[in-house]
Protein backbone atom coordinates (compact mmCIF):
# COMPACT_ATOMS: atom_id res chain seq x y z
CA UNK A 1 13.49 -9.80 4.27
CA UNK A 2 12.24 -6.31 4.48
CA UNK A 3 9.03 -4.85 2.80
CA UNK A 4 8.15 -1.39 3.09
CA UNK A 5 5.10 0.77 1.31
CA UNK A 6 5.52 4.51 0.82
CA UNK A 7 3.20 7.03 -1.20
CA UNK A 8 6.12 8.88 -2.62
CA UNK A 9 3.88 11.62 -3.98
CA UNK A 10 6.24 12.41 -7.19
CA UNK A 11 9.15 9.71 -7.81
CA UNK A 12 10.88 12.04 -9.89
CA UNK A 13 11.12 14.80 -7.34
CA UNK A 14 11.90 12.80 -4.44
CA UNK A 15 13.86 9.93 -5.97
CA UNK A 16 17.20 10.53 -3.93
CA UNK A 17 14.99 10.84 -0.59
CA UNK A 18 13.23 6.99 -1.70
CA UNK A 19 16.65 5.25 -2.72
CA UNK A 20 18.51 6.87 0.10
CA UNK A 21 15.87 5.77 2.53
CA UNK A 22 15.84 2.08 0.95
CA UNK A 23 19.56 1.52 1.11
CA UNK A 24 19.87 2.80 4.60
CA UNK A 25 17.06 0.73 5.97
CA UNK A 26 17.90 -2.19 3.81
CA UNK A 27 14.74 -2.64 2.30
CA UNK A 28 14.63 -5.45 -0.06
CA UNK A 29 10.99 -4.56 -1.64
CA UNK A 30 9.28 -1.26 -1.47
CA UNK A 31 6.06 -0.72 -2.73
CA UNK A 32 5.30 2.69 -4.29
CA UNK A 33 2.02 5.09 -4.64
CA UNK A 34 1.41 8.22 -6.41
CA UNK A 35 4.59 8.00 -8.65
CA UNK A 36 3.14 10.67 -11.07
CA UNK A 37 4.92 9.33 -14.08
CA UNK A 38 4.09 7.23 -17.30
CA UNK A 39 7.27 4.62 -17.36
CA UNK A 40 9.62 6.22 -19.80
CA UNK A 41 9.39 9.11 -17.49
CA UNK A 42 10.69 6.94 -14.58
CA UNK A 43 13.78 7.48 -12.96
CA UNK A 44 15.23 3.90 -13.49
CA UNK A 45 19.05 4.84 -13.00
CA UNK A 46 19.14 5.42 -9.30
CA UNK A 47 17.08 2.35 -8.21
CA UNK A 48 19.26 0.35 -10.67
CA UNK A 49 22.36 1.91 -9.38
CA UNK A 50 21.33 0.69 -5.58
CA UNK A 51 20.77 -2.77 -7.06
CA UNK A 52 16.83 -2.79 -7.49
CA UNK A 53 14.33 -3.75 -10.36
CA UNK A 54 11.52 -1.63 -10.85
CA UNK A 55 8.08 -2.53 -11.96
CA UNK A 56 5.47 0.05 -12.47
CA UNK A 57 2.08 1.25 -13.67
CA UNK A 58 1.76 4.70 -14.55
CA UNK A 59 -0.27 6.91 -17.23
CA UNK A 60 -0.11 10.46 -16.76
CA UNK A 61 0.79 12.91 -14.20
CA UNK A 62 -1.58 11.64 -11.91
CA UNK A 63 -1.55 8.29 -9.73
CA UNK A 64 0.60 5.39 -10.66
CA UNK A 65 2.13 2.54 -8.37
CA UNK A 66 5.17 0.72 -8.46
CA UNK A 67 7.05 -2.16 -7.00
CA UNK A 68 10.95 -1.81 -6.36
CA UNK A 69 13.03 -4.75 -5.36
CA UNK A 70 16.64 -6.18 -5.39
CA UNK A 71 14.70 -9.68 -5.27
CA UNK A 72 13.79 -11.36 -8.60
CA UNK A 73 9.90 -9.85 -9.46
CA UNK A 74 7.88 -12.44 -10.99
CA UNK A 75 4.21 -12.89 -12.25
CA UNK A 76 3.93 -9.13 -12.30
CA UNK A 77 0.22 -8.19 -12.93
CA UNK A 78 -1.19 -4.39 -13.57
CA UNK A 79 -4.75 -4.44 -11.67
CA UNK A 80 -6.28 -6.99 -9.93
CA UNK A 81 -9.35 -8.90 -12.44
CA UNK A 82 -12.12 -7.30 -11.70
CA UNK A 83 -10.82 -3.75 -10.88
CA UNK A 84 -13.80 -0.93 -11.48
CA UNK A 85 -12.90 1.92 -14.07
CA UNK A 86 -13.74 5.65 -13.30
CA UNK A 87 -14.11 8.70 -15.63
CA UNK A 88 -16.12 11.78 -14.43
CA UNK A 89 -19.32 12.38 -15.80
CA UNK A 90 -19.70 8.85 -17.24
CA UNK A 91 -20.89 5.86 -16.54
CA UNK A 92 -20.97 2.03 -17.78
CA UNK A 93 -18.84 -1.25 -17.94
CA UNK A 94 -16.10 -0.12 -20.24
CA UNK A 95 -14.80 3.12 -18.04
CA UNK A 96 -10.84 3.59 -18.19
CA UNK A 97 -8.83 1.81 -15.64
CA UNK A 98 -6.78 3.75 -13.59
CA UNK A 99 -3.14 2.98 -12.62
CA UNK A 100 -3.53 2.05 -9.12
CA UNK A 101 -2.49 -1.43 -8.45
CA UNK A 102 0.49 -3.64 -9.43
CA UNK A 103 1.35 -6.76 -8.07
CA UNK A 104 4.42 -9.13 -8.14
CA UNK A 105 5.48 -12.18 -6.46
CA UNK A 106 8.98 -12.25 -4.50
CA UNK A 107 10.21 -15.23 -2.87
CA UNK A 108 7.05 -16.93 -3.05
CA UNK A 109 5.04 -13.79 -1.44
CA UNK A 110 2.22 -12.07 -3.47
CA UNK A 111 2.37 -8.25 -3.14
CA UNK A 112 0.43 -5.84 -4.37
CA UNK A 113 1.09 -1.74 -4.16
CA UNK A 114 -2.20 -0.32 -3.93
CA UNK A 115 -3.40 3.56 -4.25
CA UNK A 116 -7.02 3.35 -3.32
CA UNK A 117 -9.38 5.70 -4.83
CA UNK A 118 -9.77 9.25 -2.52
CA UNK A 119 -13.34 9.57 -2.82
CA UNK A 120 -13.13 13.33 -2.89
CA UNK A 121 -16.67 13.93 -1.32
CA UNK A 122 -19.38 11.92 0.14
CA UNK A 123 -21.56 13.20 -2.40
CA UNK A 124 -18.96 12.67 -5.32
CA UNK A 125 -19.07 9.82 -7.74
CA UNK A 126 -15.83 9.19 -6.76
CA UNK A 127 -16.90 8.26 -3.87
CA UNK A 128 -19.09 5.43 -5.07
CA UNK A 129 -15.97 4.22 -7.21
CA UNK A 130 -14.12 4.01 -3.92
CA UNK A 131 -16.54 2.09 -2.43
CA UNK A 132 -16.89 -0.13 -5.46
CA UNK A 133 -13.39 -0.43 -6.10
CA UNK A 134 -12.43 -1.52 -2.08
CA UNK A 135 -15.61 -4.33 -2.23
CA UNK A 136 -14.05 -5.56 -5.75
CA UNK A 137 -10.57 -5.76 -4.44
CA UNK A 138 -12.18 -8.04 -1.14
CA UNK A 139 -13.97 -10.06 -3.40
CA UNK A 140 -10.58 -10.91 -5.46
CA UNK A 141 -8.93 -11.07 -2.05
CA UNK A 142 -11.23 -13.94 -1.03
CA UNK A 143 -11.03 -15.49 -4.01
CA UNK A 144 -7.10 -15.73 -4.23
CA UNK A 145 -7.11 -17.01 -0.48
CA UNK A 146 -9.70 -19.58 -1.29
CA UNK A 147 -7.87 -20.99 -4.15
CA UNK A 148 -4.66 -21.14 -2.42
CA UNK A 149 -5.48 -20.70 1.94
CA UNK A 150 -1.38 -20.64 2.39
CA UNK A 151 -1.08 -17.99 0.38
CA UNK A 152 1.48 -15.70 1.63
CA UNK A 153 -0.35 -12.04 0.33
CA UNK A 154 0.25 -8.83 1.32
CA UNK A 155 -1.66 -5.41 0.15
CA UNK A 156 0.19 -2.46 0.86
CA UNK A 157 -0.44 1.00 0.26
CA UNK A 158 -2.07 4.14 0.58
CA UNK A 159 -5.71 3.20 1.64
CA UNK A 160 -7.01 6.46 2.04
CA UNK A 161 -9.10 5.14 4.79
CA UNK A 162 -8.52 5.91 8.66
CA UNK A 163 -10.26 3.08 10.23
CA UNK A 164 -10.05 4.01 13.69
CA UNK A 165 -11.02 7.06 15.43
CA UNK A 166 -7.27 7.14 16.68
CA UNK A 167 -6.48 7.01 13.10
CA UNK A 168 -7.47 10.17 13.05
CA UNK A 169 -5.47 13.82 14.07
CA UNK A 170 -6.52 16.00 11.50
CA UNK A 171 -9.52 18.42 13.00
CA UNK A 172 -10.11 19.23 9.34
CA UNK A 173 -11.81 16.00 8.97
CA UNK A 174 -15.42 15.96 10.29
CA UNK A 175 -17.72 12.91 10.80
CA UNK A 176 -20.64 12.91 8.40
CA UNK A 177 -19.56 15.58 6.04
CA UNK A 178 -15.44 14.35 5.16
CA UNK A 179 -14.47 11.27 3.33
CA UNK A 180 -11.83 8.78 4.85
CA UNK A 181 -13.66 8.32 7.88
CA UNK A 182 -17.37 7.36 6.96
CA UNK A 183 -18.92 4.50 8.09
CA UNK A 184 -19.03 2.74 4.60
CA UNK A 185 -15.44 3.50 4.28
CA UNK A 186 -14.71 1.95 7.47
CA UNK A 187 -16.59 -1.07 6.78
CA UNK A 188 -15.29 -1.72 3.36
CA UNK A 189 -11.61 -1.78 5.22
CA UNK A 190 -12.71 -3.83 7.39
CA UNK A 191 -14.16 -6.64 4.98
CA UNK A 192 -10.64 -7.14 4.28
CA UNK A 193 -10.35 -8.96 7.77
CA UNK A 194 -13.57 -10.94 7.36
CA UNK A 195 -12.23 -12.53 4.20
CA UNK A 196 -8.73 -13.51 5.64
CA UNK A 197 -6.17 -10.46 6.09
CA UNK A 198 -4.78 -8.33 9.04
CA UNK A 199 -3.03 -5.41 9.86
CA UNK A 200 0.23 -6.87 10.48
CA UNK A 201 1.84 -3.57 11.53
CA UNK A 202 -0.49 -2.26 14.68
CA UNK A 203 -0.12 -4.90 16.81
CA UNK A 204 3.54 -4.01 16.89
CA UNK A 205 3.04 0.02 16.38
CA UNK A 206 -0.05 0.51 17.92
CA UNK A 207 -0.21 4.15 17.68
CA UNK A 208 0.92 6.75 15.19
CA UNK A 209 0.11 8.67 11.77
CA UNK A 210 1.55 7.90 8.30
CA UNK A 211 -0.27 11.02 6.56
CA UNK A 212 0.22 14.79 7.54
CA UNK A 213 -1.34 17.43 5.03
CA UNK A 214 1.22 20.33 3.47
CA UNK A 215 -1.27 22.68 4.89
CA UNK A 216 -1.90 24.49 8.39
CA UNK A 217 1.29 23.27 9.75
CA UNK A 218 -0.67 19.76 10.20
CA UNK A 219 2.86 17.94 10.63
CA UNK A 220 4.49 20.05 13.26
CA UNK A 221 1.18 19.87 15.09
CA UNK A 222 1.15 16.36 14.77
CA UNK A 223 -2.32 16.24 13.26
CA UNK A 224 -2.27 13.58 11.03
CA UNK A 225 -3.81 10.28 9.66
CA UNK A 226 -3.12 6.65 9.38
CA UNK A 227 -3.83 5.96 6.13
CA UNK A 228 -1.35 3.92 4.83
CA UNK A 229 -1.15 -0.14 5.72
CA UNK A 230 0.22 -3.74 5.17
CA UNK A 231 -2.54 -5.96 5.13
CA UNK A 232 -1.30 -9.54 5.44
CA UNK A 233 -2.95 -13.04 5.14
CA UNK A 234 -2.10 -15.87 7.69
CA UNK A 235 0.91 -16.99 5.70
CA UNK A 236 2.59 -13.73 5.60
CA UNK A 237 1.23 -12.22 9.22
CA UNK A 238 2.92 -15.19 10.80
CA UNK A 239 6.57 -14.35 9.21
CA UNK A 240 6.03 -10.52 10.38
CA UNK A 241 8.80 -9.98 13.50
CA UNK A 242 8.82 -6.04 13.49
CA UNK A 243 7.30 -3.24 11.81
CA UNK A 244 8.11 0.42 12.03
CA UNK A 245 6.33 3.99 10.85
CA UNK A 246 9.31 6.27 9.61
CA UNK A 247 7.92 9.54 10.44
CA UNK A 248 11.22 11.25 10.06
CA UNK A 249 10.60 11.14 6.40
CA UNK A 250 8.34 13.55 6.87
CA UNK A 251 11.19 15.97 8.04
CA UNK A 252 13.59 17.63 5.92
CA UNK A 253 13.82 18.81 2.22
CA UNK A 254 10.75 18.33 0.13
CA UNK A 255 8.92 15.23 1.88
CA UNK A 256 6.28 13.43 0.74
CA UNK A 257 3.33 14.21 2.56
CA UNK A 258 3.13 10.43 3.45
CA UNK A 259 5.94 8.61 5.21
CA UNK A 260 7.37 4.63 5.05
CA UNK A 261 5.46 1.61 6.55
CA UNK A 262 8.09 -1.27 7.05
CA UNK A 263 7.83 -4.66 7.87
CA UNK A 264 10.56 -7.30 8.55
CA UNK A 265 9.85 -11.12 7.53
CA UNK A 266 11.45 -14.10 9.79
CA UNK A 267 13.30 -16.41 6.97
CA UNK A 268 11.25 -19.89 6.34
CA UNK A 269 12.65 -22.20 8.64
CA UNK A 270 14.31 -25.26 6.05
CA UNK A 271 12.46 -28.66 6.27
CA UNK A 272 13.61 -32.01 5.20
CA UNK A 273 11.96 -33.51 2.45
CA UNK A 274 10.39 -36.16 4.21
CA UNK A 275 9.31 -34.32 6.95
CA UNK A 276 5.27 -33.79 6.93
CA UNK A 277 5.11 -31.44 9.71
CA UNK A 278 3.65 -28.08 9.54
CA UNK A 279 6.17 -25.67 8.45
CA UNK A 280 7.54 -23.97 11.37
CA UNK A 281 8.61 -19.99 10.63
CA UNK A 282 11.69 -18.90 12.43
């Protein structure tokens, strides 16, 4: 199975590029972020023509997440259970939930498409919201894995955090001033490893960015960020046999400012019903 994530930065603008890439790369499941449309505005037909079913959560021209799959999508969930909400200049427990998370199960694998809040600036309420959003997701993840230690789980998407200094090539990000690189954000990202997830791409692709701003010739200068990740549980990570960052998708006509990140999973080896040995991934 080939599973990928891509912040498409407006699916209506880039549907042709996205579907062409999925077909060319033989992608089974794609998690998309920043689709920037409501369900009734989504361009379903090109996906359906290529053999993909789509589930999505979009509220307006901002944010929005989706999953496209040519395998059956089951147990679709909009938002994770305790996901916090946000409304500028407002506080309280009943804030509106943004379109930032959608989950589905495919062939026994629980997949989430996630668009982590940007944070905007270190002094902005959106930054506090971002940290709360990540902490809540980590707590929910810990509970999911405690309930099912063998769960094949992948959290995929635009995390808006560059966890290592080597993930930062954009000179406009300044330590102590900029979001995405602050110690609290990096600590919030590292919390997912503590609850049982691992970055399944970095061991195979140790270097490379996934995002380049449109401004200041960031892409030709390779002044990018690595902020798009696939974090998997042990049961998911054990099946990963290959991974790639598709840098060339930042080139050409009307690209997104992000590129796809893809992993390939080995099939689960068949076992006899009376064989109680540990399952082997082959």
